[in-house]
Amino acid sequence: MYLKDYLYGDYIVEEVIEELINTKEVQRLKNIHQGGASYLVNPNWNVSRYEHSIGVMLLIRLMGGDIEEQIAGLLHDVSHTAFSHVIDYVLDKHNEDYHEEIFESIIENSDIPKILNKYGYSYKDILYDKSKYTILEKTAPNLCADRIDYTLRDMFRYGFITKNEISNFMSSLVVVKNEIMVNSLEAAKFFVDTYYKEVIDYFMNPLGIYANDRLSKAIKIALNDNIIVLDDLLKDDKYVFNLLESSNNKQIKSLVESLNYNVVVVEDNKNYDIYQKNKLRLIDPSIYIENKIYKASEICLEIKELSKKALEKSERGSYIKIL
């Protein structure tokens, strides 16, 4: 199978990966927006979970990860519901981890185990213990393929960074002691700045917060009134949105109609309509220079200050006024 990715280039992948990509579970991710409901108020915010999943797999491949870790990377988001993290607001999952709670159930009820068994792999060994995959996942504030890909992918697609900047950053990546690191302070500065553009300027963008708030309220009402059930959210964004649009519930209709391209919102911590506090996301890359490992914040005051400001903003939360 030939894959073409706008960040990492062109690759031919193994048959087992081709079969996994062609499962309905992975194909469904083409119609799951990574930014939740944000595309409903800004059509340009349209990166899909499929793009990200392919990207994580390819990045692991580029960093020398074996076929099992690539498979884990490809499938790591396969259990995301329609509108991604919107369900976490609906169900009050403050760690934004509902997709992790249902991951095993999604895998067990798919063709994925059969495909992996066909090629001699144990699906439980590959998929149910991600802690052994140190390229795919690392706890914050460390670098990992998942964190790197969604940051670069979103920020490139939304015009914050260039392909040349990405190429320069990619050339700085190294794997030391089973962990992705950078080999220069300049690369660390670039990624820290880009990451905080992602989690502060994009994840906490007032317009995106507004969209996720309106949609999560509509879904919560629909669940409470049995207009939809949780299993409906295992389909895709369009399917769920159509169910909401066709509802006769006046509250749901009003909330759905409020999701359009003409919305105007501002931050206002005194006179606000919406308050949201996101999951805390900080970054502090490890830097490998002259056979020594440093934390970026230890040797760069600028990076330390960026993290301090991001922490303050995240802990404060967002106060949104609808105009």
C-alpha atoms as a PDB file:
ATOM      1  CA  MET A   1       0.000   0.000   0.000  1.00  0.00           C
ATOM      2  CA  TYR A   2       1.273   3.444  -0.973  1.00  0.00           C
ATOM      3  CA  LEU A   3       0.746   6.240   1.548  1.00  0.00           C
ATOM      4  CA  LYS A   4       1.277   9.929   0.852  1.00  0.00           C
ATOM      5  CA  ASP A   5       1.512  12.254   3.864  1.00  0.00           C
ATOM      6  CA  TYR A   6       1.913  16.017   3.548  1.00  0.00           C
ATOM      7  CA  LEU A   7       4.254  16.169   6.555  1.00  0.00           C
ATOM      8  CA  TYR A   8       6.429  13.076   6.243  1.00  0.00           C
ATOM      9  CA  GLY A   9       6.374  12.131   2.559  1.00  0.00           C
ATOM     10  CA  ASP A  10       5.580   8.941   0.662  1.00  0.00           C
ATOM     11  CA  TYR A  11       5.831   5.372   1.976  1.00  0.00           C
ATOM     12  CA  ILE A  12       4.971   1.825   1.041  1.00  0.00           C
ATOM     13  CA  VAL A  13       3.649  -0.014   4.105  1.00  0.00           C
ATOM     14  CA  GLU A  14       3.428  -3.699   4.985  1.00  0.00           C
ATOM     15  CA  GLU A  15       0.384  -5.840   4.195  1.00  0.00           C
ATOM     16  CA  VAL A  16      -0.670  -6.089   7.843  1.00  0.00           C
ATOM     17  CA  ILE A  17      -0.757  -2.285   8.115  1.00  0.00           C
ATOM     18  CA  GLU A  18      -2.660  -2.041   4.825  1.00  0.00           C
ATOM     19  CA  GLU A  19      -5.333  -4.424   6.116  1.00  0.00           C
ATOM     20  CA  LEU A  20      -5.606  -2.514   9.392  1.00  0.00           C
ATOM     21  CA  ILE A  21      -5.941   0.809   7.564  1.00  0.00           C
ATOM     22  CA  ASN A  22      -8.773  -0.659   5.490  1.00  0.00           C
ATOM     23  CA  THR A  23     -10.819  -1.760   8.507  1.00  0.00           C
ATOM     24  CA  LYS A  24     -14.025   0.185   9.053  1.00  0.00           C
ATOM     25  CA  GLU A  25     -12.737   1.275  12.456  1.00  0.00           C
ATOM     26  CA  VAL A  26      -9.744   3.113  10.972  1.00  0.00           C
ATOM     27  CA  GLN A  27     -11.642   4.352   7.913  1.00  0.00           C
ATOM     28  CA  ARG A  28     -14.280   5.845  10.244  1.00  0.00           C
ATOM     29  CA  LEU A  29     -11.595   8.208  11.559  1.00  0.00           C
ATOM     30  CA  LYS A  30     -11.634  10.050   8.211  1.00  0.00           C
ATOM     31  CA  ASN A  31     -14.946  11.530   9.354  1.00  0.00           C
ATOM     32  CA  ILE A  32     -13.946  12.336  12.934  1.00  0.00           C
ATOM     33  CA  HIS A  33     -12.640  15.882  13.323  1.00  0.00           C
ATOM     34  CA  GLN A  34      -9.661  16.167  15.640  1.00  0.00           C
ATOM     35  CA  GLY A  35     -10.794  19.597  16.846  1.00  0.00           C
ATOM     36  CA  GLY A  36     -14.250  18.393  17.886  1.00  0.00           C
ATOM     37  CA  ALA A  37     -16.990  20.829  16.922  1.00  0.00           C
ATOM     38  CA  SER A  38     -14.631  23.625  15.905  1.00  0.00           C
ATOM     39  CA  TYR A  39     -15.039  22.929  12.176  1.00  0.00           C
ATOM     40  CA  LEU A  40     -18.716  23.861  12.524  1.00  0.00           C
ATOM     41  CA  VAL A  41     -17.731  27.483  13.244  1.00  0.00           C
ATOM     42  CA  ASN A  42     -14.552  27.608  11.159  1.00  0.00           C
ATOM     43  CA  PRO A  43     -14.426  25.350   8.086  1.00  0.00           C
ATOM     44  CA  ASN A  44     -10.625  25.538   8.003  1.00  0.00           C
ATOM     45  CA  TRP A  45     -10.292  23.674  11.325  1.00  0.00           C
ATOM     46  CA  ASN A  46     -10.755  20.306   9.677  1.00  0.00           C
ATOM     47  CA  VAL A  47      -7.856  17.944  10.470  1.00  0.00           C
ATOM     48  CA  SER A  48      -9.174  14.395  10.896  1.00  0.00           C
ATOM     49  CA  ARG A  49      -8.256  11.662  13.350  1.00  0.00           C
ATOM     50  CA  TYR A  50      -7.345   9.518  10.338  1.00  0.00           C
ATOM     51  CA  GLU A  51      -4.664  11.964   9.159  1.00  0.00           C
ATOM     52  CA  HIS A  52      -3.228  12.077  12.668  1.00  0.00           C
ATOM     53  CA  SER A  53      -3.267   8.289  13.091  1.00  0.00           C
ATOM     54  CA  ILE A  54      -1.447   7.730   9.810  1.00  0.00           C
ATOM     55  CA  GLY A  55       0.976  10.483  10.782  1.00  0.00           C
ATOM     56  CA  VAL A  56       1.782   8.981  14.176  1.00  0.00           C
ATOM     57  CA  MET A  57       2.466   5.604  12.575  1.00  0.00           C
ATOM     58  CA  LEU A  58       4.793   7.156   9.988  1.00  0.00           C
ATOM     59  CA  LEU A  59       6.599   9.274  12.552  1.00  0.00           C
ATOM     60  CA  ILE A  60       7.251   6.173  14.674  1.00  0.00           C
ATOM     61  CA  ARG A  61       8.583   4.510  11.523  1.00  0.00           C
ATOM     62  CA  LEU A  62      10.887   7.485  10.864  1.00  0.00           C
ATOM     63  CA  MET A  63      12.183   7.364  14.437  1.00  0.00           C
ATOM     64  CA  GLY A  64      13.104   3.686  14.147  1.00  0.00           C
ATOM     65  CA  GLY A  65      10.129   2.155  15.924  1.00  0.00           C
ATOM     66  CA  ASP A  66       9.407  -1.477  15.084  1.00  0.00           C
ATOM     67  CA  ILE A  67       6.324  -2.761  13.263  1.00  0.00           C
ATOM     68  CA  GLU A  68       4.450  -3.455  16.510  1.00  0.00           C
ATOM     69  CA  GLU A  69       4.904   0.102  17.741  1.00  0.00           C
ATOM     70  CA  GLN A  70       3.820   1.398  14.325  1.00  0.00           C
ATOM     71  CA  ILE A  71       0.648  -0.693  14.590  1.00  0.00           C
ATOM     72  CA  ALA A  72       0.003   0.638  18.088  1.00  0.00           C
ATOM     73  CA  GLY A  73       0.485   4.161  16.748  1.00  0.00           C
ATOM     74  CA  LEU A  74      -1.904   3.606  13.850  1.00  0.00           C
ATOM     75  CA  LEU A  75      -4.614   2.315  16.194  1.00  0.00           C
ATOM     76  CA  HIS A  76      -4.054   4.519  19.254  1.00  0.00           C
ATOM     77  CA  ASP A  77      -7.037   6.793  18.470  1.00  0.00           C
ATOM     78  CA  VAL A  78      -9.342   4.207  16.931  1.00  0.00           C
ATOM     79  CA  SER A  79     -11.810   4.469  19.835  1.00  0.00           C
ATOM     80  CA  HIS A  80     -12.392   8.217  19.563  1.00  0.00           C
ATOM     81  CA  THR A  81     -16.091   8.946  19.399  1.00  0.00           C
ATOM     82  CA  ALA A  82     -17.766  11.389  17.043  1.00  0.00           C
ATOM     83  CA  PHE A  83     -16.421  14.910  17.591  1.00  0.00           C
ATOM     84  CA  SER A  84     -13.407  13.552  19.502  1.00  0.00           C
ATOM     85  CA  HIS A  85     -13.091  15.145  22.956  1.00  0.00           C
ATOM     86  CA  VAL A  86     -16.590  16.692  22.936  1.00  0.00           C
ATOM     87  CA  ILE A  87     -17.816  13.501  24.597  1.00  0.00           C
ATOM     88  CA  ASP A  88     -15.502  14.233  27.536  1.00  0.00           C
ATOM     89  CA  TYR A  89     -17.379  17.492  28.146  1.00  0.00           C
ATOM     90  CA  VAL A  90     -20.686  15.652  27.826  1.00  0.00           C
ATOM     91  CA  LEU A  91     -19.695  12.998  30.382  1.00  0.00           C
ATOM     92  CA  ASP A  92     -17.605  15.306  32.610  1.00  0.00           C
ATOM     93  CA  LYS A  93     -14.388  13.396  31.928  1.00  0.00           C
ATOM     94  CA  HIS A  94     -11.882  15.981  33.134  1.00  0.00           C
ATOM     95  CA  ASN A  95      -8.906  13.875  32.056  1.00  0.00           C
ATOM     96  CA  GLU A  96     -10.363  13.765  28.526  1.00  0.00           C
ATOM     97  CA  ASP A  97      -9.954  10.002  28.445  1.00  0.00           C
ATOM     98  CA  TYR A  98     -13.314   8.479  27.507  1.00  0.00           C
ATOM     99  CA  HIS A  99     -11.787   7.055  24.318  1.00  0.00           C
ATOM    100  CA  GLU A 100      -9.224   5.237  26.461  1.00  0.00           C
ATOM    101  CA  GLU A 101     -11.944   3.768  28.681  1.00  0.00           C
ATOM    102  CA  ILE A 102     -13.677   2.155  25.697  1.00  0.00           C
ATOM    103  CA  PHE A 103     -10.544   1.267  23.718  1.00  0.00           C
ATOM    104  CA  GLU A 104     -10.496  -2.454  24.529  1.00  0.00           C
ATOM    105  CA  SER A 105     -14.196  -2.812  23.810  1.00  0.00           C
ATOM    106  CA  ILE A 106     -13.764  -1.229  20.371  1.00  0.00           C
ATOM    107  CA  ILE A 107     -10.835  -3.515  19.560  1.00  0.00           C
ATOM    108  CA  GLU A 108     -12.574  -6.684  20.775  1.00  0.00           C
ATOM    109  CA  ASN A 109     -15.632  -5.953  18.624  1.00  0.00           C
ATOM    110  CA  SER A 110     -13.661  -5.342  15.436  1.00  0.00           C
ATOM    111  CA  ASP A 111     -11.740  -7.349  12.818  1.00  0.00           C
ATOM    112  CA  ILE A 112      -8.464  -5.997  14.203  1.00  0.00           C
ATOM    113  CA  PRO A 113      -7.656  -9.036  16.422  1.00  0.00           C
ATOM    114  CA  LYS A 114      -8.329 -11.407  13.508  1.00  0.00           C
ATOM    115  CA  ILE A 115      -6.051  -9.434  11.182  1.00  0.00           C
ATOM    116  CA  LEU A 116      -3.210  -9.276  13.691  1.00  0.00           C
ATOM    117  CA  ASN A 117      -3.547 -12.975  14.507  1.00  0.00           C
ATOM    118  CA  LYS A 118      -3.424 -13.746  10.770  1.00  0.00           C
ATOM    119  CA  TYR A 119       0.041 -12.168  10.592  1.00  0.00           C
ATOM    120  CA  GLY A 120       1.261 -13.881  13.763  1.00  0.00           C
ATOM    121  CA  TYR A 121       0.807 -10.994  16.206  1.00  0.00           C
ATOM    122  CA  SER A 122      -0.933 -11.019  19.571  1.00  0.00           C
ATOM    123  CA  TYR A 123      -3.331  -8.102  19.525  1.00  0.00           C
ATOM    124  CA  LYS A 124      -3.400  -7.911  23.316  1.00  0.00           C
ATOM    125  CA  ASP A 125       0.385  -7.744  23.527  1.00  0.00           C
ATOM    126  CA  ILE A 126       0.521  -4.971  20.928  1.00  0.00           C
ATOM    127  CA  LEU A 127      -2.501  -2.878  21.876  1.00  0.00           C
ATOM    128  CA  TYR A 128      -3.221  -3.236  25.587  1.00  0.00           C
ATOM    129  CA  ASP A 129       0.071  -2.068  27.059  1.00  0.00           C
ATOM    130  CA  LYS A 130       1.166   1.183  25.422  1.00  0.00           C
ATOM    131  CA  SER A 131       3.601   1.915  28.259  1.00  0.00           C
ATOM    132  CA  LYS A 132       6.233  -0.192  26.505  1.00  0.00           C
ATOM    133  CA  TYR A 133       6.109   2.054  23.439  1.00  0.00           C
ATOM    134  CA  THR A 134       8.319   4.956  24.404  1.00  0.00           C
ATOM    135  CA  ILE A 135       8.331   6.578  20.956  1.00  0.00           C
ATOM    136  CA  LEU A 136       4.530   6.525  20.642  1.00  0.00           C
ATOM    137  CA  GLU A 137       3.642   7.762  24.126  1.00  0.00           C
ATOM    138  CA  LYS A 138       5.395   9.572  26.941  1.00  0.00           C
ATOM    139  CA  THR A 139       3.755  11.403  29.791  1.00  0.00           C
ATOM    140  CA  ALA A 140       3.882  15.181  29.557  1.00  0.00           C
ATOM    141  CA  PRO A 141       5.999  17.239  29.470  1.00  0.00           C
ATOM    142  CA  ASN A 142       8.138  14.892  27.335  1.00  0.00           C
ATOM    143  CA  LEU A 143       8.156  14.557  23.574  1.00  0.00           C
ATOM    144  CA  CYS A 144       6.455  11.600  21.898  1.00  0.00           C
ATOM    145  CA  ALA A 145       5.173  10.772  18.420  1.00  0.00           C
ATOM    146  CA  ASP A 146       1.543  11.422  19.350  1.00  0.00           C
ATOM    147  CA  ARG A 147       2.265  14.869  20.829  1.00  0.00           C
ATOM    148  CA  ILE A 148       4.648  15.863  18.050  1.00  0.00           C
ATOM    149  CA  ASP A 149       2.318  14.849  15.236  1.00  0.00           C
ATOM    150  CA  TYR A 150      -0.854  16.558  16.376  1.00  0.00           C
ATOM    151  CA  THR A 151       1.089  19.734  17.110  1.00  0.00           C
ATOM    152  CA  LEU A 152       2.921  19.905  13.794  1.00  0.00           C
ATOM    153  CA  ARG A 153      -0.094  18.738  11.793  1.00  0.00           C
ATOM    154  CA  ASP A 154      -2.567  21.218  13.250  1.00  0.00           C
ATOM    155  CA  MET A 155      -0.192  24.151  13.258  1.00  0.00           C
ATOM    156  CA  PHE A 156       0.910  23.511   9.668  1.00  0.00           C
ATOM    157  CA  ARG A 157      -2.627  23.095   8.364  1.00  0.00           C
ATOM    158  CA  TYR A 158      -3.794  26.206  10.164  1.00  0.00           C
ATOM    159  CA  GLY A 159      -0.947  28.360   8.898  1.00  0.00           C
ATOM    160  CA  PHE A 160       1.096  28.864  12.060  1.00  0.00           C
ATOM    161  CA  ILE A 161       4.256  27.098  10.837  1.00  0.00           C
ATOM    162  CA  THR A 162       5.838  26.283   7.482  1.00  0.00           C
ATOM    163  CA  LYS A 163       6.921  23.041   5.849  1.00  0.00           C
ATOM    164  CA  ASN A 164      10.516  24.257   5.960  1.00  0.00           C
ATOM    165  CA  GLU A 165      10.308  24.833   9.715  1.00  0.00           C
ATOM    166  CA  ILE A 166       8.898  21.334  10.147  1.00  0.00           C
ATOM    167  CA  SER A 167      11.695  19.816   8.073  1.00  0.00           C
ATOM    168  CA  ASN A 168      14.319  21.621  10.142  1.00  0.00           C
ATOM    169  CA  PHE A 169      12.691  20.439  13.353  1.00  0.00           C
ATOM    170  CA  MET A 170      12.400  16.859  12.119  1.00  0.00           C
ATOM    171  CA  SER A 171      16.104  16.793  11.323  1.00  0.00           C
ATOM    172  CA  SER A 172      16.812  17.613  14.979  1.00  0.00           C
ATOM    173  CA  LEU A 173      14.931  14.620  16.400  1.00  0.00           C
ATOM    174  CA  VAL A 174      16.903  11.769  17.949  1.00  0.00           C
ATOM    175  CA  VAL A 175      15.987   8.757  20.066  1.00  0.00           C
ATOM    176  CA  VAL A 176      18.126   8.476  23.194  1.00  0.00           C
ATOM    177  CA  LYS A 177      17.408   5.991  25.989  1.00  0.00           C
ATOM    178  CA  ASN A 178      14.186   5.027  24.190  1.00  0.00           C
ATOM    179  CA  GLU A 179      12.891   8.602  24.221  1.00  0.00           C
ATOM    180  CA  ILE A 180      12.464  11.193  21.479  1.00  0.00           C
ATOM    181  CA  MET A 181      14.692  14.202  22.101  1.00  0.00           C
ATOM    182  CA  VAL A 182      16.037  17.150  20.117  1.00  0.00           C
ATOM    183  CA  ASN A 183      19.699  17.832  19.503  1.00  0.00           C
ATOM    184  CA  SER A 184      19.631  21.618  19.728  1.00  0.00           C
ATOM    185  CA  LEU A 185      18.229  24.388  21.875  1.00  0.00           C
ATOM    186  CA  GLU A 186      16.845  26.082  18.748  1.00  0.00           C
ATOM    187  CA  ALA A 187      14.710  23.016  17.968  1.00  0.00           C
ATOM    188  CA  ALA A 188      13.457  22.912  21.553  1.00  0.00           C
ATOM    189  CA  LYS A 189      12.480  26.594  21.387  1.00  0.00           C
ATOM    190  CA  PHE A 190      10.652  26.038  18.110  1.00  0.00           C
ATOM    191  CA  PHE A 191       8.631  23.123  19.407  1.00  0.00           C
ATOM    192  CA  VAL A 192       7.785  24.685  22.768  1.00  0.00           C
ATOM    193  CA  ASP A 193       6.567  27.836  21.032  1.00  0.00           C
ATOM    194  CA  THR A 194       4.592  25.793  18.489  1.00  0.00           C
ATOM    195  CA  TYR A 195       3.113  23.509  21.142  1.00  0.00           C
ATOM    196  CA  TYR A 196       1.799  26.439  23.150  1.00  0.00           C
ATOM    197  CA  LYS A 197       0.290  27.908  19.990  1.00  0.00           C
ATOM    198  CA  GLU A 198      -1.542  24.586  19.745  1.00  0.00           C
ATOM    199  CA  VAL A 199      -2.764  24.235  23.333  1.00  0.00           C
ATOM    200  CA  ILE A 200      -3.345  27.923  24.105  1.00  0.00           C
ATOM    201  CA  ASP A 201      -4.081  29.695  20.814  1.00  0.00           C
ATOM    202  CA  TYR A 202      -5.938  26.774  19.214  1.00  0.00           C
ATOM    203  CA  PHE A 203      -7.291  24.416  21.906  1.00  0.00           C
ATOM    204  CA  MET A 204      -8.324  27.412  24.015  1.00  0.00           C
ATOM    205  CA  ASN A 205      -9.434  29.588  21.116  1.00  0.00           C
ATOM    206  CA  PRO A 206     -12.701  31.266  22.220  1.00  0.00           C
ATOM    207  CA  LEU A 207     -14.482  30.242  19.031  1.00  0.00           C
ATOM    208  CA  GLY A 208     -13.495  26.593  19.421  1.00  0.00           C
ATOM    209  CA  ILE A 209     -14.506  26.594  23.086  1.00  0.00           C
ATOM    210  CA  TYR A 210     -17.871  28.071  22.108  1.00  0.00           C
ATOM    211  CA  ALA A 211     -18.451  25.364  19.470  1.00  0.00           C
ATOM    212  CA  ASN A 212     -17.549  22.480  21.773  1.00  0.00           C
ATOM    213  CA  ASP A 213     -19.693  23.944  24.553  1.00  0.00           C
ATOM    214  CA  ARG A 214     -22.801  24.332  22.358  1.00  0.00           C
ATOM    215  CA  LEU A 215     -22.445  20.875  20.828  1.00  0.00           C
ATOM    216  CA  SER A 216     -21.710  19.124  24.127  1.00  0.00           C
ATOM    217  CA  LYS A 217     -24.850  20.679  25.630  1.00  0.00           C
ATOM    218  CA  ALA A 218     -26.917  19.482  22.655  1.00  0.00           C
ATOM    219  CA  ILE A 219     -25.522  15.938  22.925  1.00  0.00           C
ATOM    220  CA  LYS A 220     -26.092  15.843  26.677  1.00  0.00           C
ATOM    221  CA  ILE A 221     -29.750  16.808  26.240  1.00  0.00           C
ATOM    222  CA  ALA A 222     -30.133  14.258  23.435  1.00  0.00           C
ATOM    223  CA  LEU A 223     -28.671  11.487  25.608  1.00  0.00           C
ATOM    224  CA  ASN A 224     -30.826  12.411  28.590  1.00  0.00           C
ATOM    225  CA  ASP A 225     -33.963  12.431  26.424  1.00  0.00           C
ATOM    226  CA  ASN A 226     -33.034   9.179  24.625  1.00  0.00           C
ATOM    227  CA  ILE A 227     -32.886  10.990  21.288  1.00  0.00           C
ATOM    228  CA  ILE A 228     -29.475   9.421  20.829  1.00  0.00           C
ATOM    229  CA  VAL A 229     -27.622   6.689  22.712  1.00  0.00           C
ATOM    230  CA  LEU A 230     -23.912   6.364  23.467  1.00  0.00           C
ATOM    231  CA  ASP A 231     -23.482   3.799  20.696  1.00  0.00           C
ATOM    232  CA  ASP A 232     -24.519   6.452  18.154  1.00  0.00           C
ATOM    233  CA  LEU A 233     -21.343   8.309  19.063  1.00  0.00           C
ATOM    234  CA  LEU A 234     -19.331   5.334  17.809  1.00  0.00           C
ATOM    235  CA  LYS A 235     -20.330   6.346  14.289  1.00  0.00           C
ATOM    236  CA  ASP A 236     -19.034   9.627  12.831  1.00  0.00           C
ATOM    237  CA  ASP A 237     -19.495  13.378  13.120  1.00  0.00           C
ATOM    238  CA  LYS A 238     -21.955  13.722  10.259  1.00  0.00           C
ATOM    239  CA  TYR A 239     -24.158  10.879  11.497  1.00  0.00           C
ATOM    240  CA  VAL A 240     -24.445  12.319  15.009  1.00  0.00           C
ATOM    241  CA  PHE A 241     -24.950  15.870  13.801  1.00  0.00           C
ATOM    242  CA  ASN A 242     -27.746  14.719  11.474  1.00  0.00           C
ATOM    243  CA  LEU A 243     -29.483  13.042  14.422  1.00  0.00           C
ATOM    244  CA  LEU A 244     -29.308  16.291  16.375  1.00  0.00           C
ATOM    245  CA  GLU A 245     -30.468  18.390  13.407  1.00  0.00           C
ATOM    246  CA  SER A 246     -33.482  16.156  12.815  1.00  0.00           C
ATOM    247  CA  SER A 247     -34.535  16.234  16.478  1.00  0.00           C
ATOM    248  CA  ASN A 248     -37.806  17.924  17.425  1.00  0.00           C
ATOM    249  CA  ASN A 249     -36.343  19.116  20.718  1.00  0.00           C
ATOM    250  CA  LYS A 250     -36.354  22.942  20.704  1.00  0.00           C
ATOM    251  CA  GLN A 251     -33.297  23.245  22.946  1.00  0.00           C
ATOM    252  CA  ILE A 252     -31.264  20.955  20.720  1.00  0.00           C
ATOM    253  CA  LYS A 253     -32.416  22.754  17.578  1.00  0.00           C
ATOM    254  CA  SER A 254     -31.439  26.116  19.044  1.00  0.00           C
ATOM    255  CA  LEU A 255     -27.992  24.854  20.056  1.00  0.00           C
ATOM    256  CA  VAL A 256     -27.390  23.230  16.665  1.00  0.00           C
ATOM    257  CA  GLU A 257     -28.476  26.376  14.815  1.00  0.00           C
ATOM    258  CA  SER A 258     -26.057  28.408  16.925  1.00  0.00           C
ATOM    259  CA  LEU A 259     -23.165  26.517  15.317  1.00  0.00           C
ATOM    260  CA  ASN A 260     -22.400  28.518  12.186  1.00  0.00           C
ATOM    261  CA  TYR A 261     -19.700  30.612  10.532  1.00  0.00           C
ATOM    262  CA  ASN A 262     -21.129  33.947  11.724  1.00  0.00           C
ATOM    263  CA  VAL A 263     -20.485  33.478  15.444  1.00  0.00           C
ATOM    264  CA  VAL A 264     -18.560  36.247  17.216  1.00  0.00           C
ATOM    265  CA  VAL A 265     -17.116  35.614  20.675  1.00  0.00           C
ATOM    266  CA  VAL A 266     -14.510  37.273  22.898  1.00  0.00           C
ATOM    267  CA  GLU A 267     -12.731  36.530  26.148  1.00  0.00           C
ATOM    268  CA  ASP A 268     -14.292  38.404  29.065  1.00  0.00           C
ATOM    269  CA  ASN A 269     -13.649  37.205  32.610  1.00  0.00           C
ATOM    270  CA  LYS A 270     -16.186  39.601  34.132  1.00  0.00           C
ATOM    271  CA  ASN A 271     -19.194  39.241  31.883  1.00  0.00           C
ATOM    272  CA  TYR A 272     -19.101  35.779  30.363  1.00  0.00           C
ATOM    273  CA  ASP A 273     -21.492  33.135  29.035  1.00  0.00           C
ATOM    274  CA  ILE A 274     -19.157  30.130  28.993  1.00  0.00           C
ATOM    275  CA  TYR A 275     -16.380  29.030  31.304  1.00  0.00           C
ATOM    276  CA  GLN A 276     -14.141  26.123  30.361  1.00  0.00           C
ATOM    277  CA  LYS A 277     -11.008  24.689  31.933  1.00  0.00           C
ATOM    278  CA  ASN A 278      -9.081  22.332  29.672  1.00  0.00           C
ATOM    279  CA  LYS A 279      -6.823  19.455  30.600  1.00  0.00           C
ATOM    280  CA  LEU A 280      -3.423  20.755  31.655  1.00  0.00           C
ATOM    281  CA  ARG A 281      -0.911  20.363  28.821  1.00  0.00           C
ATOM    282  CA  LEU A 282       2.721  21.407  29.282  1.00  0.00           C
ATOM    283  CA  ILE A 283       5.864  20.605  27.299  1.00  0.00           C
ATOM    284  CA  ASP A 284       9.542  20.512  28.284  1.00  0.00           C
ATOM    285  CA  PRO A 285      11.600  18.627  25.678  1.00  0.00           C
ATOM    286  CA  SER A 286      14.752  16.764  26.560  1.00  0.00           C
ATOM    287  CA  ILE A 287      17.805  18.062  24.699  1.00  0.00           C
ATOM    288  CA  TYR A 288      20.710  15.755  23.836  1.00  0.00           C
ATOM    289  CA  ILE A 289      23.931  17.697  23.312  1.00  0.00           C
ATOM    290  CA  GLU A 290      27.483  16.339  23.465  1.00  0.00           C
ATOM    291  CA  ASN A 291      26.348  13.057  25.044  1.00  0.00           C
ATOM    292  CA  LYS A 292      24.482  14.842  27.825  1.00  0.00           C
ATOM    293  CA  ILE A 293      20.735  15.179  28.419  1.00  0.00           C
ATOM    294  CA  TYR A 294      19.165  18.419  29.617  1.00  0.00           C
ATOM    295  CA  LYS A 295      15.607  19.559  30.168  1.00  0.00           C
ATOM    296  CA  ALA A 296      14.946  22.570  27.955  1.00  0.00           C
ATOM    297  CA  SER A 297      13.611  24.634  30.861  1.00  0.00           C
ATOM    298  CA  GLU A 298      16.833  24.055  32.801  1.00  0.00           C
ATOM    299  CA  ILE A 299      19.003  25.778  30.240  1.00  0.00           C
ATOM    300  CA  CYS A 300      16.604  28.273  28.660  1.00  0.00           C
ATOM    301  CA  LEU A 301      14.791  30.978  30.599  1.00  0.00           C
ATOM    302  CA  GLU A 302      12.602  31.760  27.595  1.00  0.00           C
ATOM    303  CA  ILE A 303      11.223  28.203  27.559  1.00  0.00           C
ATOM    304  CA  LYS A 304      10.714  28.276  31.318  1.00  0.00           C
ATOM    305  CA  GLU A 305       8.719  31.518  30.993  1.00  0.00           C
ATOM    306  CA  LEU A 306       6.590  30.154  28.161  1.00  0.00           C
ATOM    307  CA  SER A 307       5.626  27.171  30.306  1.00  0.00           C
ATOM    308  CA  LYS A 308       4.881  29.411  33.265  1.00  0.00           C
ATOM    309  CA  LYS A 309       2.511  31.551  31.186  1.00  0.00           C
ATOM    310  CA  ALA A 310       0.858  28.475  29.688  1.00  0.00           C
ATOM    311  CA  LEU A 311       0.346  26.999  33.155  1.00  0.00           C
ATOM    312  CA  GLU A 312      -1.229  30.222  34.427  1.00  0.00           C
ATOM    313  CA  LYS A 313      -3.540  30.427  31.415  1.00  0.00           C
ATOM    314  CA  SER A 314      -4.539  26.780  31.693  1.00  0.00           C
ATOM    315  CA  GLU A 315      -5.236  26.974  35.427  1.00  0.00           C
ATOM    316  CA  ARG A 316      -7.234  30.164  34.959  1.00  0.00           C
ATOM    317  CA  GLY A 317      -9.384  28.666  32.239  1.00  0.00           C
ATOM    318  CA  SER A 318     -11.300  30.513  29.536  1.00  0.00           C
ATOM    319  CA  TYR A 319     -14.175  32.967  30.020  1.00  0.00           C
ATOM    320  CA  ILE A 320     -16.127  33.447  26.823  1.00  0.00           C
ATOM    321  CA  LYS A 321     -18.677  36.137  26.015  1.00  0.00           C
ATOM    322  CA  ILE A 322     -21.038  35.592  23.070  1.00  0.00           C
ATOM    323  CA  LEU A 323     -21.611  38.814  21.120  1.00  0.00           C
END
